[in-house]
Amino acid sequence: MKTHRKHFLLVLVVSTFAVVGCQEALSPNAPVDNFSIQDINTPPPGIKFLKFESSSLKGATPSSTGYAEATLYPAVGGTVGGAETFGNIVLIPAGSFSTATTFSVNAYDGGSFSYVDFGPSMSFNSSVYITLDFSRYNLSQGEFSSLKIYYWNANKGKWEKVNNPSKYDKTNTTISTWVNHFSRYAFGN
């Protein structure tokens, strides 16, 4: 009886490994999707995120940050950011959130590229309008017109392009779009 039980357990274990090992997604020999293996500090393959031009930071050192915060109320909404965040701003319309909340805009030079954290990390009842300022990047007309906004999708562990239409403002050197959540945002081409 004990021999039959041992054989049964051995067959069960070997069968389980055979079935699991043969599933492509779980197999150690499965092909790797390099686009899904990303790091928050690394742009997606083929995309170059913008980096602060240290000469335009007016005395600030590389790795400088710009920070602003404001407590907003649902019935009023408001704007957070501006000069203190290197021109990066969020417009939060009335009714887009449910309770009084302290919102923040934190602009960074992350080392290999620049990014803006809009906080707190949350989804909104309706979209909010983010504006990213690229005046300090010394872009050519071609580079400016090909800019795209990306956000860090923490659930998927990768950078994704914002698919909403973007408004390019050459005069004010900004790119803006509507989003329904806060995250880390960067732009590049």
Foldseek 3Di string as FASTA:
>chain_A
DVVVVVVVVVVVVVVVCVVQCPPLVRHPPHDDDQQLDDAPLDAGPPWQFFAFDQVPPVPDGAFDKFKWKDWDAQQQWAKIDQVSGVGKIKGGHRNFADGTDIWMWMWTRSPRHIKIFTDDWDFTNFWIKIKDADVRRPDDPVFQVPKWKWFQDPVSRHIDTDPFDWDQDPVRRMIMGIDGTTGMMTMTD
